[in-house]
Amino acid sequence: MLLIPCPYCGKRPEIEFTYGGQAHLVRPQ
């Protein structure tokens, strides 16, 4: 398991981070 350092909560496992798509696209609610 890869631990990613978070500046707010310390090291977190990679499964907590997901790819949500491109940031410039507006997604419907």
Protein backbone atom coordinates (compact mmCIF):
# COMPACT_ATOMS: atom_id res chain seq x y z
CA MET A 1 0.00 0.00 0.00
CA LEU A 2 1.28 3.43 -0.94
CA LEU A 3 1.05 6.10 1.75
CA ILE A 4 0.59 9.63 0.42
CA PRO A 5 1.55 12.52 2.73
CA CYS A 6 -1.36 14.90 3.35
CA PRO A 7 -0.46 18.36 4.70
CA TYR A 8 -3.64 18.39 6.80
CA CYS A 9 -4.03 14.86 8.22
CA GLY A 10 -0.68 13.09 7.81
CA LYS A 11 0.02 9.99 5.74
CA ARG A 12 -3.05 8.45 4.12
CA PRO A 13 -3.43 5.26 2.03
CA GLU A 14 -3.69 5.71 -1.74
CA ILE A 15 -7.19 4.18 -1.83
CA GLU A 16 -8.56 7.35 -0.18
CA PHE A 17 -7.52 9.38 -3.23
CA THR A 18 -9.58 8.95 -6.39
CA TYR A 19 -9.42 10.46 -9.83
CA GLY A 20 -12.54 12.58 -10.24
CA GLY A 21 -11.99 13.61 -13.84
CA GLN A 22 -10.74 16.81 -15.35
CA ALA A 23 -11.03 19.87 -13.12
CA HIS A 24 -12.16 22.33 -15.79
CA LEU A 25 -15.30 20.35 -16.70
CA VAL A 26 -18.50 21.38 -14.92
CA ARG A 27 -20.35 18.32 -13.67
CA PRO A 28 -24.15 18.32 -13.19
CA GLN A 29 -25.42 18.10 -9.62
